[in-house]
N, C-alpha and C. Protein backbone atom coordinates (compact mmCIF):
# COMPACT_ATOMS: atom_id res chain seq x y z
N MET A 1 11.53 -26.33 -41.83
CA MET A 1 10.70 -26.05 -40.92
C MET A 1 10.07 -27.67 -39.96
N LYS A 2 9.83 -27.70 -38.83
CA LYS A 2 9.84 -29.02 -38.25
C LYS A 2 8.22 -29.16 -38.51
N PRO A 3 7.91 -30.53 -38.69
CA PRO A 3 6.53 -31.07 -38.81
C PRO A 3 5.68 -29.99 -37.97
N ILE A 4 5.77 -30.16 -36.48
CA ILE A 4 4.91 -29.40 -35.59
C ILE A 4 4.77 -27.97 -36.40
N ASP A 5 6.06 -27.32 -36.18
CA ASP A 5 5.75 -26.01 -36.95
C ASP A 5 4.69 -25.66 -38.17
N GLU A 6 4.70 -26.59 -38.63
CA GLU A 6 4.20 -26.61 -40.12
C GLU A 6 2.49 -26.75 -39.65
N LYS A 7 2.83 -27.47 -38.71
CA LYS A 7 1.22 -27.75 -38.23
C LYS A 7 0.36 -26.66 -37.51
N ILE A 8 1.04 -25.87 -36.80
CA ILE A 8 0.71 -24.68 -36.31
C ILE A 8 0.53 -23.70 -36.89
N SER A 9 1.47 -23.46 -37.84
CA SER A 9 1.34 -22.55 -39.37
C SER A 9 0.05 -22.77 -39.78
N ARG A 10 -0.22 -23.89 -40.56
CA ARG A 10 -1.63 -23.94 -41.00
C ARG A 10 -2.64 -23.84 -39.73
N PHE A 11 -3.05 -24.71 -38.72
CA PHE A 11 -4.02 -24.11 -38.03
C PHE A 11 -3.92 -22.53 -37.95
N LEU A 12 -3.12 -21.81 -37.81
CA LEU A 12 -3.19 -20.52 -37.64
C LEU A 12 -3.77 -19.49 -39.06
N LYS A 13 -3.05 -20.09 -40.02
CA LYS A 13 -3.66 -19.63 -41.44
C LYS A 13 -5.26 -19.69 -41.52
N ARG A 14 -5.40 -21.36 -40.88
CA ARG A 14 -6.87 -21.73 -41.27
C ARG A 14 -7.96 -20.70 -40.24
N TYR A 15 -7.46 -20.88 -38.92
CA TYR A 15 -8.37 -20.35 -37.85
C TYR A 15 -8.25 -19.13 -37.77
N LEU A 16 -7.28 -18.32 -38.01
CA LEU A 16 -6.85 -16.92 -37.48
C LEU A 16 -6.88 -16.00 -38.48
N ARG A 17 -7.74 -15.34 -39.27
CA ARG A 17 -7.78 -14.18 -40.39
C ARG A 17 -6.85 -13.18 -39.82
N THR A 18 -5.78 -12.80 -40.86
CA THR A 18 -5.03 -11.91 -40.78
C THR A 18 -5.94 -10.41 -40.55
N ARG A 19 -5.41 -9.53 -39.86
CA ARG A 19 -6.09 -8.23 -39.50
C ARG A 19 -5.08 -7.11 -40.29
N THR A 20 -5.79 -6.33 -40.96
CA THR A 20 -5.33 -5.45 -41.59
C THR A 20 -4.54 -4.16 -40.40
N PRO A 21 -3.81 -3.35 -40.80
CA PRO A 21 -3.30 -2.33 -39.91
C PRO A 21 -4.47 -1.51 -39.37
N GLU A 22 -5.74 -1.29 -39.99
CA GLU A 22 -6.85 -0.27 -39.36
C GLU A 22 -7.52 -0.75 -38.68
N GLU A 23 -7.48 -2.43 -38.77
CA GLU A 23 -8.12 -2.97 -37.66
C GLU A 23 -7.29 -3.47 -36.41
N TRP A 24 -6.36 -3.34 -36.46
CA TRP A 24 -5.48 -3.13 -35.36
C TRP A 24 -5.27 -2.17 -34.62
N ASP A 25 -5.19 -0.66 -35.41
CA ASP A 25 -5.53 0.56 -34.95
C ASP A 25 -7.00 0.48 -34.22
N ALA A 26 -8.26 0.17 -34.87
CA ALA A 26 -9.39 0.06 -34.38
C ALA A 26 -9.60 -0.33 -33.09
N ALA A 27 -9.21 -1.67 -32.88
CA ALA A 27 -9.01 -2.64 -31.93
C ALA A 27 -8.11 -1.78 -30.58
N ARG A 28 -7.32 -1.31 -30.94
CA ARG A 28 -6.23 -0.43 -29.74
C ARG A 28 -7.30 0.69 -29.55
N GLU A 29 -7.76 1.11 -30.04
CA GLU A 29 -8.37 2.65 -29.88
C GLU A 29 -9.69 2.01 -28.89
N ARG A 30 -10.37 0.89 -29.29
CA ARG A 30 -11.24 0.71 -27.98
C ARG A 30 -11.00 0.12 -26.92
N GLY A 31 -9.47 -0.26 -27.12
CA GLY A 31 -8.83 -1.06 -25.65
C GLY A 31 -8.99 0.01 -24.81
N LEU A 32 -7.88 1.27 -25.69
CA LEU A 32 -7.82 2.57 -24.72
C LEU A 32 -8.90 3.57 -24.21
N GLU A 33 -9.90 3.10 -25.27
CA GLU A 33 -11.45 3.37 -24.63
C GLU A 33 -11.82 3.20 -23.40
N ARG A 34 -11.57 1.70 -23.29
CA ARG A 34 -12.04 0.74 -22.35
C ARG A 34 -11.30 1.29 -20.77
N LEU A 35 -10.25 1.32 -21.29
CA LEU A 35 -9.59 1.49 -20.05
C LEU A 35 -9.19 2.76 -19.29
N LYS A 36 -9.72 3.92 -20.15
CA LYS A 36 -9.82 5.42 -19.63
C LYS A 36 -11.33 5.05 -19.28
N THR A 37 -12.32 4.76 -19.74
CA THR A 37 -13.43 4.30 -18.86
C THR A 37 -13.50 3.80 -17.57
N THR A 38 -13.06 2.67 -17.33
CA THR A 38 -12.49 1.85 -16.07
C THR A 38 -11.70 3.09 -15.14
N LEU A 39 -10.81 3.98 -15.53
CA LEU A 39 -9.63 4.76 -14.65
C LEU A 39 -10.71 5.63 -14.24
N GLU A 40 -11.68 6.50 -15.14
CA GLU A 40 -12.45 7.18 -14.50
C GLU A 40 -13.30 6.69 -13.70
N ALA A 41 -13.96 5.56 -13.69
CA ALA A 41 -14.75 4.97 -12.70
C ALA A 41 -14.36 4.44 -11.46
N ALA A 42 -12.91 4.35 -11.51
CA ALA A 42 -12.15 3.87 -10.25
C ALA A 42 -12.28 5.21 -9.23
N PRO A 43 -12.29 4.70 -7.91
CA PRO A 43 -11.97 5.71 -6.91
C PRO A 43 -10.77 6.31 -6.63
N SER A 44 -10.83 7.49 -6.88
CA SER A 44 -9.61 8.50 -6.80
C SER A 44 -8.99 8.25 -5.08
N ILE A 45 -7.80 8.40 -5.24
CA ILE A 45 -7.04 8.26 -3.81
C ILE A 45 -6.50 9.60 -3.43
N ASP A 46 -7.06 10.13 -2.07
CA ASP A 46 -6.70 11.40 -1.83
C ASP A 46 -5.30 10.93 -1.14
N GLU A 47 -4.22 11.54 -1.88
CA GLU A 47 -2.69 11.05 -0.80
C GLU A 47 -2.88 11.98 0.44
N ASN A 48 -3.74 13.14 0.38
CA ASN A 48 -3.56 13.74 1.72
C ASN A 48 -4.27 12.77 2.93
N ALA A 49 -4.98 11.88 2.32
CA ALA A 49 -5.80 10.97 3.55
C ALA A 49 -4.66 10.20 4.32
N VAL A 50 -3.54 9.80 3.50
CA VAL A 50 -2.57 9.15 4.08
C VAL A 50 -1.93 9.65 5.25
N ALA A 51 -1.64 11.10 5.35
CA ALA A 51 -1.28 11.68 6.51
C ALA A 51 -2.01 12.30 7.66
N ARG A 52 -3.36 11.76 7.30
CA ARG A 52 -4.62 12.19 8.40
C ARG A 52 -5.37 11.32 8.81
N ILE A 53 -4.59 10.12 9.21
CA ILE A 53 -5.54 9.10 9.78
C ILE A 53 -5.65 9.25 11.68
N SER A 54 -6.31 8.95 11.97
CA SER A 54 -6.80 9.37 13.42
C SER A 54 -6.21 8.12 14.19
N PRO A 55 -5.48 8.16 15.65
CA PRO A 55 -5.65 6.47 16.19
C PRO A 55 -6.24 5.68 16.14
N LEU A 56 -7.50 6.17 16.32
CA LEU A 56 -8.45 4.78 16.03
C LEU A 56 -8.35 4.01 14.38
N GLU A 57 -8.35 5.18 13.72
CA GLU A 57 -8.14 4.31 12.09
C GLU A 57 -6.83 3.87 11.97
N TYR A 58 -5.65 4.37 12.52
CA TYR A 58 -4.31 3.84 12.50
C TYR A 58 -4.81 2.23 13.34
N ARG A 59 -5.03 2.08 14.38
CA ARG A 59 -5.07 0.92 14.81
C ARG A 59 -6.11 -0.07 14.40
N PHE A 60 -7.23 0.41 13.92
CA PHE A 60 -8.08 -0.14 12.64
C PHE A 60 -7.32 -0.88 11.73
N LEU A 61 -6.46 0.05 11.24
CA LEU A 61 -5.85 -0.58 10.20
C LEU A 61 -4.80 -1.49 10.58
N MET A 62 -4.05 -1.62 11.78
CA MET A 62 -3.36 -2.40 12.69
C MET A 62 -3.57 -3.74 12.68
N ALA A 63 -4.99 -3.57 12.91
CA ALA A 63 -5.86 -4.82 13.57
C ALA A 63 -6.37 -6.03 11.78
N VAL A 64 -6.47 -4.84 11.02
CA VAL A 64 -6.59 -5.85 9.90
C VAL A 64 -5.47 -6.31 9.30
N ALA A 65 -4.26 -5.16 9.23
CA ALA A 65 -2.87 -6.08 8.61
C ALA A 65 -2.49 -7.24 9.76
N LEU A 66 -2.83 -7.46 10.93
CA LEU A 66 -2.72 -8.47 11.83
C LEU A 66 -3.34 -9.31 11.52
N LEU A 67 -4.70 -9.49 11.54
CA LEU A 67 -5.59 -10.58 11.13
C LEU A 67 -5.14 -10.96 9.97
N LYS A 68 -4.61 -10.25 9.07
CA LYS A 68 -4.50 -10.30 7.31
C LYS A 68 -5.98 -10.71 6.83
N GLY A 69 -6.93 -10.07 7.13
CA GLY A 69 -8.21 -10.30 6.45
C GLY A 69 -8.98 -11.53 6.89
N ASP A 70 -8.39 -12.39 7.45
CA ASP A 70 -8.62 -13.47 7.66
C ASP A 70 -9.47 -13.90 9.13
N ALA A 71 -10.74 -13.11 8.96
CA ALA A 71 -11.38 -13.05 10.31
C ALA A 71 -12.90 -12.01 9.91
N HIS A 72 -13.64 -12.46 10.82
CA HIS A 72 -15.45 -11.76 10.91
C HIS A 72 -15.36 -10.60 11.64
N ASN A 73 -16.13 -10.04 11.71
CA ASN A 73 -16.68 -8.72 12.29
C ASN A 73 -16.23 -8.82 13.94
N VAL A 74 -16.67 -9.76 14.63
CA VAL A 74 -16.46 -9.80 15.90
C VAL A 74 -14.87 -10.06 16.08
N SER A 75 -14.23 -10.66 15.44
CA SER A 75 -12.53 -11.10 15.41
C SER A 75 -11.60 -9.38 15.39
N TRP A 76 -12.26 -8.40 14.52
CA TRP A 76 -11.65 -7.56 14.28
C TRP A 76 -12.11 -6.31 15.36
N GLN A 77 -13.09 -6.43 15.73
CA GLN A 77 -13.68 -5.84 17.05
C GLN A 77 -12.83 -6.17 18.45
N GLU A 78 -12.50 -7.30 18.48
CA GLU A 78 -11.79 -8.10 19.69
C GLU A 78 -10.43 -7.63 19.31
N LYS A 79 -9.75 -7.63 18.19
CA LYS A 79 -8.28 -7.29 17.75
C LYS A 79 -8.00 -5.65 18.26
N LEU A 80 -8.98 -4.91 17.41
CA LEU A 80 -9.30 -3.20 17.85
C LEU A 80 -9.75 -2.92 19.05
N SER A 81 -10.31 -3.77 19.96
CA SER A 81 -10.24 -3.11 21.49
C SER A 81 -9.22 -3.85 22.24
N GLN A 82 -8.30 -4.72 21.55
CA GLN A 82 -7.10 -5.15 22.25
C GLN A 82 -6.16 -4.02 21.87
N LEU A 83 -6.11 -3.44 20.75
CA LEU A 83 -5.16 -2.60 20.30
C LEU A 83 -5.46 -1.50 21.03
N GLU A 84 -7.01 -0.71 21.14
CA GLU A 84 -6.98 0.48 21.70
C GLU A 84 -7.05 0.64 23.31
N GLY A 85 -6.91 -0.90 23.68
CA GLY A 85 -7.05 -0.75 25.02
C GLY A 85 -8.41 -0.64 25.87
N ARG A 86 -9.46 -0.82 24.82
CA ARG A 86 -10.67 -0.41 25.66
C ARG A 86 -11.64 -0.88 24.75
N SER A 87 -12.91 -1.26 25.08
CA SER A 87 -13.60 -2.01 24.45
C SER A 87 -14.59 -1.00 23.16
N VAL A 88 -14.39 -1.56 22.33
CA VAL A 88 -14.66 -1.02 20.97
C VAL A 88 -16.32 -1.66 20.44
N THR A 89 -16.94 -0.61 20.26
CA THR A 89 -18.42 -1.11 19.43
C THR A 89 -18.61 -1.69 18.17
N LEU A 90 -19.33 -2.30 17.71
CA LEU A 90 -19.42 -2.53 16.27
C LEU A 90 -19.56 -1.41 15.46
N ALA A 91 -20.48 -1.00 16.22
CA ALA A 91 -20.80 1.02 15.49
C ALA A 91 -19.19 1.35 14.84
N GLU A 92 -18.63 1.49 15.90
CA GLU A 92 -17.30 2.21 15.51
C GLU A 92 -16.42 1.44 14.48
N VAL A 93 -16.68 0.15 14.66
CA VAL A 93 -16.07 -0.65 13.70
C VAL A 93 -16.25 -0.26 12.08
N TYR A 94 -17.39 -0.51 12.10
CA TYR A 94 -18.36 0.06 10.69
C TYR A 94 -18.25 1.30 10.35
N MET A 95 -18.36 2.56 11.13
CA MET A 95 -17.82 3.63 11.07
C MET A 95 -16.67 3.85 10.70
N THR A 96 -15.71 3.58 11.20
CA THR A 96 -14.18 3.66 11.03
C THR A 96 -13.90 2.87 9.46
N MET A 97 -14.66 1.77 9.30
CA MET A 97 -14.40 0.50 8.13
C MET A 97 -14.72 1.74 6.91
N ASP A 98 -16.09 2.51 7.11
CA ASP A 98 -16.55 3.06 5.98
C ASP A 98 -15.90 4.47 5.67
N SER A 99 -15.13 4.86 6.55
CA SER A 99 -14.39 6.12 6.37
C SER A 99 -12.84 5.64 5.64
N LEU A 100 -12.38 4.55 6.47
CA LEU A 100 -11.17 4.33 5.30
C LEU A 100 -11.52 4.01 4.05
N LYS A 101 -12.50 2.90 3.85
CA LYS A 101 -12.95 2.72 2.51
C LYS A 101 -13.17 3.71 1.71
N GLU A 102 -13.78 4.71 1.60
CA GLU A 102 -14.07 6.01 1.08
C GLU A 102 -12.93 6.63 0.60
N ARG A 103 -11.92 6.73 1.57
CA ARG A 103 -10.47 7.19 1.35
C ARG A 103 -9.59 6.40 0.60
N GLY A 104 -10.20 4.96 0.24
CA GLY A 104 -9.17 4.47 -0.39
C GLY A 104 -7.70 3.54 0.37
N LEU A 105 -7.98 3.52 2.00
CA LEU A 105 -7.15 3.09 2.56
C LEU A 105 -7.31 1.52 3.16
N LEU A 106 -8.37 1.31 2.70
CA LEU A 106 -9.01 -0.38 3.01
C LEU A 106 -9.88 -0.77 1.68
N ARG A 107 -10.02 -1.75 1.57
CA ARG A 107 -10.76 -2.56 0.86
C ARG A 107 -11.43 -3.65 1.23
N THR A 108 -12.93 -3.66 1.08
CA THR A 108 -13.77 -5.13 1.66
C THR A 108 -14.12 -5.75 0.65
N TRP A 109 -14.78 -7.18 0.94
CA TRP A 109 -15.04 -7.80 -0.12
C TRP A 109 -16.01 -8.83 0.65
N LEU A 110 -17.32 -9.31 0.26
CA LEU A 110 -17.90 -10.73 1.05
C LEU A 110 -17.51 -12.01 0.37
N SER A 111 -17.69 -13.08 1.18
CA SER A 111 -17.10 -14.48 0.44
C SER A 111 -18.47 -14.78 0.13
N ASP A 112 -18.43 -16.16 -0.57
CA ASP A 112 -19.78 -16.52 -0.83
C ASP A 112 -20.34 -17.40 0.54
N SER A 113 -21.72 -17.51 0.66
CA SER A 113 -22.19 -17.78 1.78
C SER A 113 -21.87 -19.45 1.68
N GLU A 114 -21.66 -19.97 2.77
CA GLU A 114 -21.58 -21.38 2.69
C GLU A 114 -22.39 -21.97 3.76
N GLY A 115 -23.14 -23.45 3.50
CA GLY A 115 -23.92 -23.77 4.17
C GLY A 115 -25.14 -23.35 4.77
N GLY A 116 -25.39 -22.52 4.08
CA GLY A 116 -26.48 -21.81 4.66
C GLY A 116 -25.92 -20.66 5.55
N ARG A 117 -24.84 -20.35 5.69
CA ARG A 117 -24.52 -19.16 6.50
C ARG A 117 -24.36 -17.82 5.81
N PRO A 118 -24.59 -17.10 6.29
CA PRO A 118 -24.76 -15.62 5.85
C PRO A 118 -22.75 -15.48 5.12
N PRO A 119 -22.59 -14.49 3.81
CA PRO A 119 -21.22 -14.32 3.98
C PRO A 119 -20.80 -13.36 4.43
N ARG A 120 -19.36 -13.91 4.67
CA ARG A 120 -18.38 -13.11 5.60
C ARG A 120 -17.69 -11.86 4.74
N ARG A 121 -17.51 -10.74 5.64
CA ARG A 121 -16.84 -9.35 5.33
C ARG A 121 -15.27 -9.78 5.33
N TYR A 122 -14.48 -9.62 4.45
CA TYR A 122 -13.02 -9.60 4.41
C TYR A 122 -12.44 -8.19 4.57
N MET A 123 -11.59 -8.19 4.67
CA MET A 123 -10.74 -6.83 4.52
C MET A 123 -9.15 -6.77 4.14
N ALA A 124 -9.09 -5.87 3.32
CA ALA A 124 -7.45 -5.71 3.45
C ALA A 124 -6.90 -4.22 3.20
N VAL A 125 -5.64 -4.36 3.66
CA VAL A 125 -5.36 -2.90 3.57
C VAL A 125 -4.67 -2.60 2.08
N THR A 126 -4.98 -1.50 1.73
CA THR A 126 -4.64 -1.25 0.54
C THR A 126 -3.13 -0.60 0.30
N GLU A 127 -2.51 -0.28 -0.53
CA GLU A 127 -1.19 0.53 -0.70
C GLU A 127 -0.99 1.65 0.19
N PRO A 128 -2.09 2.48 -0.25
CA PRO A 128 -2.34 3.74 0.30
C PRO A 128 -2.67 3.64 1.94
N GLY A 129 -3.06 2.55 2.50
CA GLY A 129 -3.39 2.29 3.65
C GLY A 129 -1.90 1.81 4.49
N LYS A 130 -1.32 1.03 3.88
CA LYS A 130 0.15 0.93 3.97
C LYS A 130 0.96 1.94 4.08
N ARG A 131 1.02 2.82 3.57
CA ARG A 131 1.41 4.37 3.59
C ARG A 131 1.34 4.98 4.50
N ALA A 132 0.09 5.05 4.84
CA ALA A 132 -0.55 5.91 6.26
C ALA A 132 -0.03 5.12 7.39
N LEU A 133 0.06 4.22 7.37
CA LEU A 133 0.73 3.28 8.47
C LEU A 133 1.96 3.73 9.06
N THR A 134 2.83 3.46 7.78
CA THR A 134 4.59 4.09 7.56
C THR A 134 4.15 5.59 8.12
N TYR A 135 3.70 6.20 7.54
CA TYR A 135 3.67 7.77 7.78
C TYR A 135 3.42 7.87 9.41
N ALA A 136 2.46 7.26 9.89
CA ALA A 136 2.10 7.29 11.26
C ALA A 136 3.12 6.75 12.20
N ASN A 137 3.64 5.84 12.04
CA ASN A 137 4.75 5.12 12.66
C ASN A 137 6.10 6.07 12.82
N ALA A 138 6.22 6.80 11.73
CA ALA A 138 7.14 7.86 11.75
C ALA A 138 6.94 9.07 12.22
N ASN A 139 5.98 9.77 12.04
CA ASN A 139 5.38 10.71 12.43
C ASN A 139 4.45 11.13 13.73
N GLU A 140 4.08 10.04 14.17
CA GLU A 140 3.00 10.11 15.23
C GLU A 140 3.50 9.63 16.70
N GLU A 141 3.28 10.30 17.31
CA GLU A 141 3.68 9.94 18.84
C GLU A 141 2.79 8.79 19.39
N TRP A 142 1.43 9.14 18.86
CA TRP A 142 0.54 8.26 19.35
C TRP A 142 0.40 7.05 18.55
N ALA A 143 1.07 6.75 17.80
CA ALA A 143 1.05 5.35 16.92
C ALA A 143 1.49 4.36 17.49
N THR A 144 2.12 4.19 18.14
CA THR A 144 2.71 3.31 18.97
C THR A 144 2.31 3.25 20.63
N ASP A 145 2.03 4.40 21.20
CA ASP A 145 1.41 4.36 22.36
C ASP A 145 0.36 3.48 23.00
N GLY A 146 0.65 2.95 24.09
CA GLY A 146 -0.02 1.93 24.86
C GLY A 146 -0.01 0.64 23.84
N LEU A 147 0.91 0.65 22.85
CA LEU A 147 0.82 -1.00 22.37
C LEU A 147 2.01 -1.77 23.06
N GLU A 148 1.68 -3.12 23.33
CA GLU A 148 2.84 -3.70 24.08
C GLU A 148 3.72 -3.98 22.69
N GLU A 149 5.11 -4.21 22.96
CA GLU A 149 6.12 -4.67 22.31
C GLU A 149 5.75 -5.97 21.50
N GLY A 150 5.78 -5.93 20.42
CA GLY A 150 5.77 -7.24 19.60
C GLY A 150 4.27 -7.35 19.31
N THR A 151 3.28 -6.37 19.67
CA THR A 151 2.07 -6.59 19.18
C THR A 151 1.68 -6.00 17.63
N TYR A 152 2.71 -5.32 17.41
CA TYR A 152 2.82 -4.60 15.87
C TYR A 152 3.58 -4.95 15.09
């Protein structure tokens, strides 16, 4: 055995006690219970929500995807207005965001406040949200109507 291996072995024997199979089983059960509790508390994803997005929700997800989550409320509003071809209010932005979040198609988080500024809200399209975009692109005529080539 190499000297470094002997040192590691002595260290492990000194500071890490050997666990019995019963202790390992109990630890595994505790871990499984924590995992089960976490999964039960997680919001469930309605797979039918993927197939049921409106044109506004589609364009909202597109705006978030195009901005890559790196924008604030006004940027989303401007991008969504551009994609919709009309002026979109902040109320529409928040209502659509809430609907998509509830259905698991979008996730949001707040940044830390910097220099006395209030925290900014960031968004990202979830995997089910990406599936909704893909489904709409393939199955809905309205998905690309009115969008200029290269916008999406």
